[in-house]
Amino acid sequence: MAGELDYLLRISVSDMAAFDSLYKRLTDAVPIKNVTSHFAMERMKFTTAYPVDTQNR
């Protein structure tokens, strides 16, 4: 990756208390200069399938 991000962790936790616990363990274990978090409150779509047109090859 280039730019501001060096690592991206995609995690799933049961609630914000679980996230806080994970966050504290992570920042205590590794010397981190800056952490940015983004949250999705619900999953709109979940698929890894890529639509392939097998009819008109």
C-alpha atoms as a PDB file:
ATOM      1  CA  MET A   1       0.000   0.000   0.000  1.00  0.00           C
ATOM      2  CA  ALA A   2       1.058   3.575  -0.454  1.00  0.00           C
ATOM      3  CA  GLY A   3       0.145   6.737   1.349  1.00  0.00           C
ATOM      4  CA  GLU A   4      -0.905   7.013   4.956  1.00  0.00           C
ATOM      5  CA  LEU A   5      -1.787   3.345   5.541  1.00  0.00           C
ATOM      6  CA  ASP A   6       0.889   0.789   6.340  1.00  0.00           C
ATOM      7  CA  TYR A   7      -1.381  -1.972   7.631  1.00  0.00           C
ATOM      8  CA  LEU A   8      -5.061  -2.734   7.402  1.00  0.00           C
ATOM      9  CA  LEU A   9      -6.768  -5.027   9.899  1.00  0.00           C
ATOM     10  CA  ARG A  10     -10.314  -6.078   9.169  1.00  0.00           C
ATOM     11  CA  ILE A  11     -11.758  -7.435  12.375  1.00  0.00           C
ATOM     12  CA  SER A  12     -15.145  -8.403  13.702  1.00  0.00           C
ATOM     13  CA  VAL A  13     -16.031  -8.002  17.373  1.00  0.00           C
ATOM     14  CA  SER A  14     -19.248  -8.483  19.304  1.00  0.00           C
ATOM     15  CA  ASP A  15     -19.448  -4.959  20.717  1.00  0.00           C
ATOM     16  CA  MET A  16     -17.467  -1.796  21.457  1.00  0.00           C
ATOM     17  CA  ALA A  17     -16.170  -3.200  24.748  1.00  0.00           C
ATOM     18  CA  ALA A  18     -14.591  -6.088  22.823  1.00  0.00           C
ATOM     19  CA  PHE A  19     -13.083  -3.623  20.340  1.00  0.00           C
ATOM     20  CA  ASP A  20     -11.687  -1.529  23.196  1.00  0.00           C
ATOM     21  CA  SER A  21     -10.078  -4.620  24.729  1.00  0.00           C
ATOM     22  CA  LEU A  22      -8.532  -5.594  21.386  1.00  0.00           C
ATOM     23  CA  TYR A  23      -7.349  -2.028  20.775  1.00  0.00           C
ATOM     24  CA  LYS A  24      -5.652  -1.851  24.176  1.00  0.00           C
ATOM     25  CA  ARG A  25      -3.922  -5.228  23.674  1.00  0.00           C
ATOM     26  CA  LEU A  26      -2.720  -4.177  20.227  1.00  0.00           C
ATOM     27  CA  THR A  27      -1.361  -0.791  21.277  1.00  0.00           C
ATOM     28  CA  ASP A  28       0.332  -2.287  24.356  1.00  0.00           C
ATOM     29  CA  ALA A  29       2.013  -5.047  22.336  1.00  0.00           C
ATOM     30  CA  VAL A  30       3.370  -3.008  19.421  1.00  0.00           C
ATOM     31  CA  PRO A  31       4.943   0.472  19.365  1.00  0.00           C
ATOM     32  CA  ILE A  32       2.374   2.338  17.276  1.00  0.00           C
ATOM     33  CA  LYS A  33       2.662   6.008  16.406  1.00  0.00           C
ATOM     34  CA  ASN A  34      -0.842   6.561  15.020  1.00  0.00           C
ATOM     35  CA  VAL A  35      -4.039   4.489  14.852  1.00  0.00           C
ATOM     36  CA  THR A  36      -7.149   5.299  12.827  1.00  0.00           C
ATOM     37  CA  SER A  37     -10.370   3.302  13.181  1.00  0.00           C
ATOM     38  CA  HIS A  38     -13.441   3.110  10.962  1.00  0.00           C
ATOM     39  CA  PHE A  39     -16.608   1.263  11.921  1.00  0.00           C
ATOM     40  CA  ALA A  40     -19.400  -0.379   9.978  1.00  0.00           C
ATOM     41  CA  MET A  41     -22.522  -0.707  12.077  1.00  0.00           C
ATOM     42  CA  GLU A  42     -24.137  -3.281   9.803  1.00  0.00           C
ATOM     43  CA  ARG A  43     -23.188  -5.418   6.837  1.00  0.00           C
ATOM     44  CA  MET A  44     -24.916  -4.306   3.658  1.00  0.00           C
ATOM     45  CA  LYS A  45     -23.527  -7.013   1.402  1.00  0.00           C
ATOM     46  CA  PHE A  46     -21.180  -9.912   1.965  1.00  0.00           C
ATOM     47  CA  THR A  47     -19.828 -11.827  -0.964  1.00  0.00           C
ATOM     48  CA  THR A  48     -16.483 -12.734  -2.445  1.00  0.00           C
ATOM     49  CA  ALA A  49     -18.044 -13.881  -5.707  1.00  0.00           C
ATOM     50  CA  TYR A  50     -17.074 -12.065  -8.858  1.00  0.00           C
ATOM     51  CA  PRO A  51     -19.870 -12.042 -11.463  1.00  0.00           C
ATOM     52  CA  VAL A  52     -18.717 -14.010 -14.493  1.00  0.00           C
ATOM     53  CA  ASP A  53     -20.821 -14.238 -17.632  1.00  0.00           C
ATOM     54  CA  THR A  54     -20.514 -17.920 -18.585  1.00  0.00           C
ATOM     55  CA  GLN A  55     -23.292 -17.676 -21.192  1.00  0.00           C
ATOM     56  CA  ASN A  56     -21.558 -15.272 -23.593  1.00  0.00           C
ATOM     57  CA  ARG A  57     -17.917 -16.277 -23.544  1.00  0.00           C
END
